[in-house]
Amino acid sequence: FRQAPGKGRERVSCISSRGIIDYADSVKGRFTIS
């Protein structure tokens, strides 16, 4: 998760215990979780 000054907290990415991955639209193609 991340929080910029003056903005709310947002989820950037997540990986479940079963390996399913989600990305925020703003970081797709640029960030990779593992």
PDB file of all heavy atoms in Angstrom:
ATOM      1  N   PHE A   1       0.843  -1.179   0.000  1.00  0.00           N
ATOM      2  CA  PHE A   1       0.000   0.000   0.000  1.00  0.00           C
ATOM      3  C   PHE A   1       0.885   1.238   0.000  1.00  0.00           C
ATOM      4  O   PHE A   1       2.035   1.181   0.417  1.00  0.00           O
ATOM      5  CB  PHE A   1      -0.913   0.022   1.230  1.00  0.00           C
ATOM      6  CG  PHE A   1      -1.856  -1.145   1.319  1.00  0.00           C
ATOM      7  CD1 PHE A   1      -1.411  -2.398   1.706  1.00  0.00           C
ATOM      8  CD2 PHE A   1      -3.205  -0.988   1.023  1.00  0.00           C
ATOM      9  CE1 PHE A   1      -2.271  -3.477   1.794  1.00  0.00           C
ATOM     10  CE2 PHE A   1      -4.087  -2.057   1.110  1.00  0.00           C
ATOM     11  CZ  PHE A   1      -3.617  -3.296   1.490  1.00  0.00           C
ATOM     12  N   ARG A   2       0.345   2.351  -0.463  1.00  0.00           N
ATOM     13  CA  ARG A   2       1.114   3.585  -0.429  1.00  0.00           C
ATOM     14  C   ARG A   2       0.199   4.761  -0.110  1.00  0.00           C
ATOM     15  O   ARG A   2      -1.004   4.719  -0.347  1.00  0.00           O
ATOM     16  CB  ARG A   2       1.840   3.840  -1.758  1.00  0.00           C
ATOM     17  CG  ARG A   2       0.928   4.180  -2.931  1.00  0.00           C
ATOM     18  CD  ARG A   2       1.740   4.290  -4.215  1.00  0.00           C
ATOM     19  NE  ARG A   2       0.911   4.622  -5.362  1.00  0.00           N
ATOM     20  CZ  ARG A   2       1.338   4.609  -6.622  1.00  0.00           C
ATOM     21  NH1 ARG A   2       2.602   4.282  -6.894  1.00  0.00           N
ATOM     22  NH2 ARG A   2       0.507   4.937  -7.606  1.00  0.00           N
ATOM     23  N   GLN A   3       0.812   5.811   0.422  1.00  0.00           N
ATOM     24  CA  GLN A   3       0.079   7.019   0.747  1.00  0.00           C
ATOM     25  C   GLN A   3       0.968   8.220   0.448  1.00  0.00           C
ATOM     26  O   GLN A   3       2.051   8.347   1.010  1.00  0.00           O
ATOM     27  CB  GLN A   3      -0.364   7.032   2.204  1.00  0.00           C
ATOM     28  CG  GLN A   3      -1.264   8.199   2.557  1.00  0.00           C
ATOM     29  CD  GLN A   3      -1.940   8.029   3.902  1.00  0.00           C
ATOM     30  OE1 GLN A   3      -1.472   7.279   4.756  1.00  0.00           O
ATOM     31  NE2 GLN A   3      -3.051   8.715   4.090  1.00  0.00           N
ATOM     32  N   ALA A   4       0.493   9.078  -0.434  1.00  0.00           N
ATOM     33  CA  ALA A   4       1.190  10.310  -0.769  1.00  0.00           C
ATOM     34  C   ALA A   4       0.679  11.430   0.131  1.00  0.00           C
ATOM     35  O   ALA A   4      -0.449  11.369   0.638  1.00  0.00           O
ATOM     36  CB  ALA A   4       0.974  10.661  -2.234  1.00  0.00           C
ATOM     37  N   PRO A   5       1.485  12.471   0.332  1.00  0.00           N
ATOM     38  CA  PRO A   5       1.036  13.598   1.158  1.00  0.00           C
ATOM     39  C   PRO A   5      -0.270  14.186   0.654  1.00  0.00           C
ATOM     40  O   PRO A   5      -0.413  14.481  -0.539  1.00  0.00           O
ATOM     41  CB  PRO A   5       2.188  14.599   1.036  1.00  0.00           C
ATOM     42  CG  PRO A   5       3.388  13.751   0.738  1.00  0.00           C
ATOM     43  CD  PRO A   5       2.863  12.645  -0.137  1.00  0.00           C
ATOM     44  N   GLY A   6      -1.234  14.334   1.549  1.00  0.00           N
ATOM     45  CA  GLY A   6      -2.513  14.909   1.191  1.00  0.00           C
ATOM     46  C   GLY A   6      -3.459  13.982   0.462  1.00  0.00           C
ATOM     47  O   GLY A   6      -4.536  14.419   0.037  1.00  0.00           O
ATOM     48  N   LYS A   7      -3.089  12.725   0.299  1.00  0.00           N
ATOM     49  CA  LYS A   7      -3.938  11.775  -0.399  1.00  0.00           C
ATOM     50  C   LYS A   7      -4.227  10.566   0.479  1.00  0.00           C
ATOM     51  O   LYS A   7      -3.532  10.301   1.457  1.00  0.00           O
ATOM     52  CB  LYS A   7      -3.289  11.326  -1.707  1.00  0.00           C
ATOM     53  CG  LYS A   7      -3.092  12.435  -2.725  1.00  0.00           C
ATOM     54  CD  LYS A   7      -2.533  11.892  -4.025  1.00  0.00           C
ATOM     55  CE  LYS A   7      -2.379  12.981  -5.068  1.00  0.00           C
ATOM     56  NZ  LYS A   7      -1.843  12.450  -6.349  1.00  0.00           N
ATOM     57  N   GLY A   8      -5.260   9.827   0.120  1.00  0.00           N
ATOM     58  CA  GLY A   8      -5.623   8.644   0.857  1.00  0.00           C
ATOM     59  C   GLY A   8      -4.737   7.455   0.533  1.00  0.00           C
ATOM     60  O   GLY A   8      -3.999   7.445  -0.454  1.00  0.00           O
ATOM     61  N   ARG A   9      -4.819   6.454   1.373  1.00  0.00           N
ATOM     62  CA  ARG A   9      -4.037   5.247   1.162  1.00  0.00           C
ATOM     63  C   ARG A   9      -4.649   4.412   0.041  1.00  0.00           C
ATOM     64  O   ARG A   9      -5.871   4.268  -0.042  1.00  0.00           O
ATOM     65  CB  ARG A   9      -3.985   4.430   2.456  1.00  0.00           C
ATOM     66  CG  ARG A   9      -3.091   3.208   2.387  1.00  0.00           C
ATOM     67  CD  ARG A   9      -3.062   2.490   3.729  1.00  0.00           C
ATOM     68  NE  ARG A   9      -4.360   1.948   4.067  1.00  0.00           N
ATOM     69  CZ  ARG A   9      -4.686   1.468   5.269  1.00  0.00           C
ATOM     70  NH1 ARG A   9      -3.788   1.489   6.253  1.00  0.00           N
ATOM     71  NH2 ARG A   9      -5.900   0.982   5.480  1.00  0.00           N
ATOM     72  N   GLU A  10      -3.812   3.871  -0.808  1.00  0.00           N
ATOM     73  CA  GLU A  10      -4.281   3.032  -1.892  1.00  0.00           C
ATOM     74  C   GLU A  10      -3.480   1.742  -1.933  1.00  0.00           C
ATOM     75  O   GLU A  10      -2.304   1.712  -1.581  1.00  0.00           O
ATOM     76  CB  GLU A  10      -4.179   3.751  -3.237  1.00  0.00           C
ATOM     77  CG  GLU A  10      -2.759   4.066  -3.677  1.00  0.00           C
ATOM     78  CD  GLU A  10      -2.672   4.602  -5.092  1.00  0.00           C
ATOM     79  OE1 GLU A  10      -3.544   4.255  -5.918  1.00  0.00           O
ATOM     80  OE2 GLU A  10      -1.732   5.371  -5.375  1.00  0.00           O
ATOM     81  N   ARG A  11      -4.139   0.687  -2.380  1.00  0.00           N
ATOM     82  CA  ARG A  11      -3.445  -0.575  -2.548  1.00  0.00           C
ATOM     83  C   ARG A  11      -2.735  -0.587  -3.887  1.00  0.00           C
ATOM     84  O   ARG A  11      -3.358  -0.398  -4.932  1.00  0.00           O
ATOM     85  CB  ARG A  11      -4.407  -1.764  -2.446  1.00  0.00           C
ATOM     86  CG  ARG A  11      -3.677  -3.102  -2.368  1.00  0.00           C
ATOM     87  CD  ARG A  11      -4.621  -4.255  -2.071  1.00  0.00           C
ATOM     88  NE  ARG A  11      -5.390  -4.642  -3.241  1.00  0.00           N
ATOM     89  CZ  ARG A  11      -6.239  -5.663  -3.276  1.00  0.00           C
ATOM     90  NH1 ARG A  11      -6.446  -6.382  -2.173  1.00  0.00           N
ATOM     91  NH2 ARG A  11      -6.889  -5.951  -4.378  1.00  0.00           N
ATOM     92  N   VAL A  12      -1.450  -0.837  -3.834  1.00  0.00           N
ATOM     93  CA  VAL A  12      -0.634  -0.869  -5.038  1.00  0.00           C
ATOM     94  C   VAL A  12      -0.682  -2.243  -5.677  1.00  0.00           C
ATOM     95  O   VAL A  12      -0.867  -2.385  -6.891  1.00  0.00           O
ATOM     96  CB  VAL A  12       0.822  -0.483  -4.714  1.00  0.00           C
ATOM     97  CG1 VAL A  12       1.711  -0.623  -5.944  1.00  0.00           C
ATOM     98  CG2 VAL A  12       0.875   0.938  -4.168  1.00  0.00           C
ATOM     99  N   SER A  13      -0.509  -3.263  -4.855  1.00  0.00           N
ATOM    100  CA  SER A  13      -0.493  -4.631  -5.350  1.00  0.00           C
ATOM    101  C   SER A  13      -0.696  -5.582  -4.192  1.00  0.00           C
ATOM    102  O   SER A  13      -0.497  -5.225  -3.031  1.00  0.00           O
ATOM    103  CB  SER A  13       0.841  -4.932  -6.060  1.00  0.00           C
ATOM    104  OG  SER A  13       0.835  -6.229  -6.633  1.00  0.00           O
ATOM    105  N   CYS A  14      -1.085  -6.796  -4.518  1.00  0.00           N
ATOM    106  CA  CYS A  14      -1.294  -7.816  -3.501  1.00  0.00           C
ATOM    107  C   CYS A  14      -1.085  -9.185  -4.112  1.00  0.00           C
ATOM    108  O   CYS A  14      -1.406  -9.406  -5.283  1.00  0.00           O
ATOM    109  CB  CYS A  14      -2.702  -7.699  -2.918  1.00  0.00           C
ATOM    110  SG  CYS A  14      -3.049  -8.845  -1.568  1.00  0.00           S
ATOM    111  N   ILE A  15      -0.556 -10.091  -3.322  1.00  0.00           N
ATOM    112  CA  ILE A  15      -0.417 -11.480  -3.733  1.00  0.00           C
ATOM    113  C   ILE A  15      -1.022 -12.347  -2.640  1.00  0.00           C
ATOM    114  O   ILE A  15      -0.672 -12.237  -1.469  1.00  0.00           O
ATOM    115  CB  ILE A  15       1.055 -11.845  -4.019  1.00  0.00           C
ATOM    116  CG1 ILE A  15       1.164 -13.290  -4.508  1.00  0.00           C
ATOM    117  CG2 ILE A  15       1.948 -11.596  -2.806  1.00  0.00           C
ATOM    118  CD1 ILE A  15       2.530 -13.619  -5.113  1.00  0.00           C
ATOM    119  N   SER A  16      -1.962 -13.202  -3.017  1.00  0.00           N
ATOM    120  CA  SER A  16      -2.657 -14.023  -2.048  1.00  0.00           C
ATOM    121  C   SER A  16      -1.802 -15.212  -1.644  1.00  0.00           C
ATOM    122  O   SER A  16      -0.751 -15.489  -2.227  1.00  0.00           O
ATOM    123  CB  SER A  16      -3.995 -14.500  -2.617  1.00  0.00           C
ATOM    124  OG  SER A  16      -3.810 -15.544  -3.551  1.00  0.00           O
ATOM    125  N   SER A  17      -2.264 -15.935  -0.633  1.00  0.00           N
ATOM    126  CA  SER A  17      -1.562 -17.132  -0.195  1.00  0.00           C
ATOM    127  C   SER A  17      -1.559 -18.207  -1.272  1.00  0.00           C
ATOM    128  O   SER A  17      -0.739 -19.129  -1.221  1.00  0.00           O
ATOM    129  CB  SER A  17      -2.190 -17.672   1.090  1.00  0.00           C
ATOM    130  OG  SER A  17      -3.541 -18.048   0.880  1.00  0.00           O
ATOM    131  N   ARG A  18      -2.457 -18.089  -2.240  1.00  0.00           N
ATOM    132  CA  ARG A  18      -2.516 -19.036  -3.344  1.00  0.00           C
ATOM    133  C   ARG A  18      -1.821 -18.523  -4.601  1.00  0.00           C
ATOM    134  O   ARG A  18      -1.887 -19.173  -5.648  1.00  0.00           O
ATOM    135  CB  ARG A  18      -3.967 -19.392  -3.654  1.00  0.00           C
ATOM    136  CG  ARG A  18      -4.709 -19.964  -2.456  1.00  0.00           C
ATOM    137  CD  ARG A  18      -6.028 -20.573  -2.858  1.00  0.00           C
ATOM    138  NE  ARG A  18      -6.783 -21.038  -1.698  1.00  0.00           N
ATOM    139  CZ  ARG A  18      -7.892 -21.753  -1.755  1.00  0.00           C
ATOM    140  NH1 ARG A  18      -8.392 -22.097  -2.929  1.00  0.00           N
ATOM    141  NH2 ARG A  18      -8.498 -22.124  -0.645  1.00  0.00           N
ATOM    142  N   GLY A  19      -1.180 -17.370  -4.495  1.00  0.00           N
ATOM    143  CA  GLY A  19      -0.398 -16.847  -5.600  1.00  0.00           C
ATOM    144  C   GLY A  19      -1.154 -15.978  -6.583  1.00  0.00           C
ATOM    145  O   GLY A  19      -0.592 -15.603  -7.620  1.00  0.00           O
ATOM    146  N   ILE A  20      -2.408 -15.643  -6.299  1.00  0.00           N
ATOM    147  CA  ILE A  20      -3.165 -14.761  -7.176  1.00  0.00           C
ATOM    148  C   ILE A  20      -2.717 -13.322  -6.939  1.00  0.00           C
ATOM    149  O   ILE A  20      -2.602 -12.881  -5.794  1.00  0.00           O
ATOM    150  CB  ILE A  20      -4.673 -14.899  -6.943  1.00  0.00           C
ATOM    151  CG1 ILE A  20      -5.091 -16.363  -7.136  1.00  0.00           C
ATOM    152  CG2 ILE A  20      -5.452 -13.990  -7.892  1.00  0.00           C
ATOM    153  CD1 ILE A  20      -4.789 -16.913  -8.515  1.00  0.00           C
ATOM    154  N   ILE A  21      -2.500 -12.566  -8.007  1.00  0.00           N
ATOM    155  CA  ILE A  21      -1.914 -11.233  -7.945  1.00  0.00           C
ATOM    156  C   ILE A  21      -2.867 -10.188  -8.497  1.00  0.00           C
ATOM    157  O   ILE A  21      -3.526 -10.410  -9.520  1.00  0.00           O
ATOM    158  CB  ILE A  21      -0.585 -11.195  -8.726  1.00  0.00           C
ATOM    159  CG1 ILE A  21       0.453 -12.095  -8.045  1.00  0.00           C
ATOM    160  CG2 ILE A  21      -0.071  -9.771  -8.860  1.00  0.00           C
ATOM    161  CD1 ILE A  21       1.721 -12.279  -8.842  1.00  0.00           C
ATOM    162  N   ASP A  22      -2.920  -9.058  -7.817  1.00  0.00           N
ATOM    163  CA  ASP A  22      -3.670  -7.893  -8.278  1.00  0.00           C
ATOM    164  C   ASP A  22      -2.746  -6.680  -8.315  1.00  0.00           C
ATOM    165  O   ASP A  22      -1.842  -6.549  -7.480  1.00  0.00           O
ATOM    166  CB  ASP A  22      -4.852  -7.588  -7.356  1.00  0.00           C
ATOM    167  CG  ASP A  22      -5.997  -8.573  -7.515  1.00  0.00           C
ATOM    168  OD1 ASP A  22      -6.219  -9.045  -8.646  1.00  0.00           O
ATOM    169  OD2 ASP A  22      -6.670  -8.861  -6.510  1.00  0.00           O
ATOM    170  N   TYR A  23      -2.985  -5.774  -9.280  1.00  0.00           N
ATOM    171  CA  TYR A  23      -2.268  -4.514  -9.369  1.00  0.00           C
ATOM    172  C   TYR A  23      -3.254  -3.371  -9.522  1.00  0.00           C
ATOM    173  O   TYR A  23      -4.295  -3.511 -10.166  1.00  0.00           O
ATOM    174  CB  TYR A  23      -1.331  -4.484 -10.579  1.00  0.00           C
ATOM    175  CG  TYR A  23      -0.170  -5.450 -10.528  1.00  0.00           C
ATOM    176  CD1 TYR A  23      -0.187  -6.624 -11.275  1.00  0.00           C
ATOM    177  CD2 TYR A  23       0.946  -5.182  -9.752  1.00  0.00           C
ATOM    178  CE1 TYR A  23       0.875  -7.502 -11.241  1.00  0.00           C
ATOM    179  CE2 TYR A  23       2.016  -6.062  -9.715  1.00  0.00           C
ATOM    180  CZ  TYR A  23       1.972  -7.222 -10.459  1.00  0.00           C
ATOM    181  OH  TYR A  23       3.040  -8.097 -10.427  1.00  0.00           O
ATOM    182  N   ALA A  24      -2.898  -2.230  -8.948  1.00  0.00           N
ATOM    183  CA  ALA A  24      -3.642  -1.019  -9.236  1.00  0.00           C
ATOM    184  C   ALA A  24      -3.415  -0.633 -10.689  1.00  0.00           C
ATOM    185  O   ALA A  24      -2.336  -0.855 -11.242  1.00  0.00           O
ATOM    186  CB  ALA A  24      -3.195   0.112  -8.313  1.00  0.00           C
ATOM    187  N   ASP A  25      -4.435  -0.053 -11.319  1.00  0.00           N
ATOM    188  CA  ASP A  25      -4.313   0.321 -12.721  1.00  0.00           C
ATOM    189  C   ASP A  25      -3.140   1.273 -12.962  1.00  0.00           C
ATOM    190  O   ASP A  25      -2.507   1.233 -14.018  1.00  0.00           O
ATOM    191  CB  ASP A  25      -5.605   0.974 -13.208  1.00  0.00           C
ATOM    192  CG  ASP A  25      -6.744  -0.016 -13.344  1.00  0.00           C
ATOM    193  OD1 ASP A  25      -6.479  -1.233 -13.427  1.00  0.00           O
ATOM    194  OD2 ASP A  25      -7.909   0.429 -13.383  1.00  0.00           O
ATOM    195  N   SER A  26      -2.842   2.106 -11.987  1.00  0.00           N
ATOM    196  CA  SER A  26      -1.802   3.105 -12.143  1.00  0.00           C
ATOM    197  C   SER A  26      -0.395   2.517 -12.221  1.00  0.00           C
ATOM    198  O   SER A  26       0.536   3.199 -12.652  1.00  0.00           O
ATOM    199  CB  SER A  26      -1.863   4.122 -11.000  1.00  0.00           C
ATOM    200  OG  SER A  26      -1.706   3.480  -9.746  1.00  0.00           O
ATOM    201  N   VAL A  27      -0.224   1.259 -11.814  1.00  0.00           N
ATOM    202  CA  VAL A  27       1.109   0.657 -11.801  1.00  0.00           C
ATOM    203  C   VAL A  27       1.231  -0.554 -12.709  1.00  0.00           C
ATOM    204  O   VAL A  27       2.329  -1.117 -12.831  1.00  0.00           O
ATOM    205  CB  VAL A  27       1.546   0.276 -10.371  1.00  0.00           C
ATOM    206  CG1 VAL A  27       1.420   1.461  -9.434  1.00  0.00           C
ATOM    207  CG2 VAL A  27       0.740  -0.916  -9.852  1.00  0.00           C
ATOM    208  N   LYS A  28       0.157  -0.953 -13.359  1.00  0.00           N
ATOM    209  CA  LYS A  28       0.206  -2.114 -14.237  1.00  0.00           C
ATOM    210  C   LYS A  28       1.223  -1.911 -15.356  1.00  0.00           C
ATOM    211  O   LYS A  28       1.279  -0.854 -15.978  1.00  0.00           O
ATOM    212  CB  LYS A  28      -1.175  -2.390 -14.833  1.00  0.00           C
ATOM    213  CG  LYS A  28      -2.163  -2.992 -13.854  1.00  0.00           C
ATOM    214  CD  LYS A  28      -3.506  -3.279 -14.525  1.00  0.00           C
ATOM    215  CE  LYS A  28      -4.477  -3.917 -13.546  1.00  0.00           C
ATOM    216  NZ  LYS A  28      -5.804  -4.152 -14.166  1.00  0.00           N
ATOM    217  N   GLY A  29       2.014  -2.933 -15.575  1.00  0.00           N
ATOM    218  CA  GLY A  29       3.050  -2.861 -16.588  1.00  0.00           C
ATOM    219  C   GLY A  29       4.353  -2.276 -16.100  1.00  0.00           C
ATOM    220  O   GLY A  29       5.366  -2.365 -16.806  1.00  0.00           O
ATOM    221  N   ARG A  30       4.350  -1.674 -14.914  1.00  0.00           N
ATOM    222  CA  ARG A  30       5.560  -1.062 -14.366  1.00  0.00           C
ATOM    223  C   ARG A  30       6.045  -1.742 -13.091  1.00  0.00           C
ATOM    224  O   ARG A  30       7.245  -1.811 -12.849  1.00  0.00           O
ATOM    225  CB  ARG A  30       5.329   0.421 -14.085  1.00  0.00           C
ATOM    226  CG  ARG A  30       4.955   1.235 -15.319  1.00  0.00           C
ATOM    227  CD  ARG A  30       4.929   2.732 -15.013  1.00  0.00           C
ATOM    228  NE  ARG A  30       3.925   3.062 -14.008  1.00  0.00           N
ATOM    229  CZ  ARG A  30       4.201   3.638 -12.838  1.00  0.00           C
ATOM    230  NH1 ARG A  30       5.461   3.948 -12.527  1.00  0.00           N
ATOM    231  NH2 ARG A  30       3.223   3.917 -11.985  1.00  0.00           N
ATOM    232  N   PHE A  31       5.120  -2.217 -12.265  1.00  0.00           N
ATOM    233  CA  PHE A  31       5.465  -2.843 -10.989  1.00  0.00           C
ATOM    234  C   PHE A  31       5.232  -4.341 -11.066  1.00  0.00           C
ATOM    235  O   PHE A  31       4.321  -4.815 -11.762  1.00  0.00           O
ATOM    236  CB  PHE A  31       4.612  -2.276  -9.856  1.00  0.00           C
ATOM    237  CG  PHE A  31       4.910  -0.849  -9.485  1.00  0.00           C
ATOM    238  CD1 PHE A  31       5.712  -0.047 -10.270  1.00  0.00           C
ATOM    239  CD2 PHE A  31       4.363  -0.314  -8.328  1.00  0.00           C
ATOM    240  CE1 PHE A  31       5.976   1.270  -9.924  1.00  0.00           C
ATOM    241  CE2 PHE A  31       4.615   0.997  -7.969  1.00  0.00           C
ATOM    242  CZ  PHE A  31       5.420   1.789  -8.762  1.00  0.00           C
ATOM    243  N   THR A  32       6.026  -5.092 -10.310  1.00  0.00           N
ATOM    244  CA  THR A  32       5.876  -6.534 -10.232  1.00  0.00           C
ATOM    245  C   THR A  32       6.009  -6.982  -8.783  1.00  0.00           C
ATOM    246  O   THR A  32       6.998  -6.667  -8.124  1.00  0.00           O
ATOM    247  CB  THR A  32       6.932  -7.265 -11.073  1.00  0.00           C
ATOM    248  OG1 THR A  32       6.847  -6.848 -12.439  1.00  0.00           O
ATOM    249  CG2 THR A  32       6.710  -8.775 -11.007  1.00  0.00           C
ATOM    250  N   ILE A  33       5.010  -7.714  -8.300  1.00  0.00           N
ATOM    251  CA  ILE A  33       5.061  -8.266  -6.959  1.00  0.00           C
ATOM    252  C   ILE A  33       5.437  -9.746  -7.049  1.00  0.00           C
ATOM    253  O   ILE A  33       5.047 -10.439  -7.986  1.00  0.00           O
ATOM    254  CB  ILE A  33       3.715  -8.082  -6.222  1.00  0.00           C
ATOM    255  CG1 ILE A  33       3.854  -8.407  -4.733  1.00  0.00           C
ATOM    256  CG2 ILE A  33       2.616  -8.922  -6.858  1.00  0.00           C
ATOM    257  CD1 ILE A  33       2.620  -8.049  -3.908  1.00  0.00           C
ATOM    258  N   SER A  34       6.202 -10.205  -6.082  1.00  0.00           N
ATOM    259  CA  SER A  34       6.587 -11.607  -6.024  1.00  0.00           C
ATOM    260  C   SER A  34       6.823 -11.994  -4.575  1.00  0.00           C
ATOM    261  O   SER A  34       7.000 -11.130  -3.711  1.00  0.00           O
ATOM    262  CB  SER A  34       7.837 -11.873  -6.870  1.00  0.00           C
ATOM    263  OG  SER A  34       8.947 -11.139  -6.386  1.00  0.00           O
TER     264      SER A  34
END
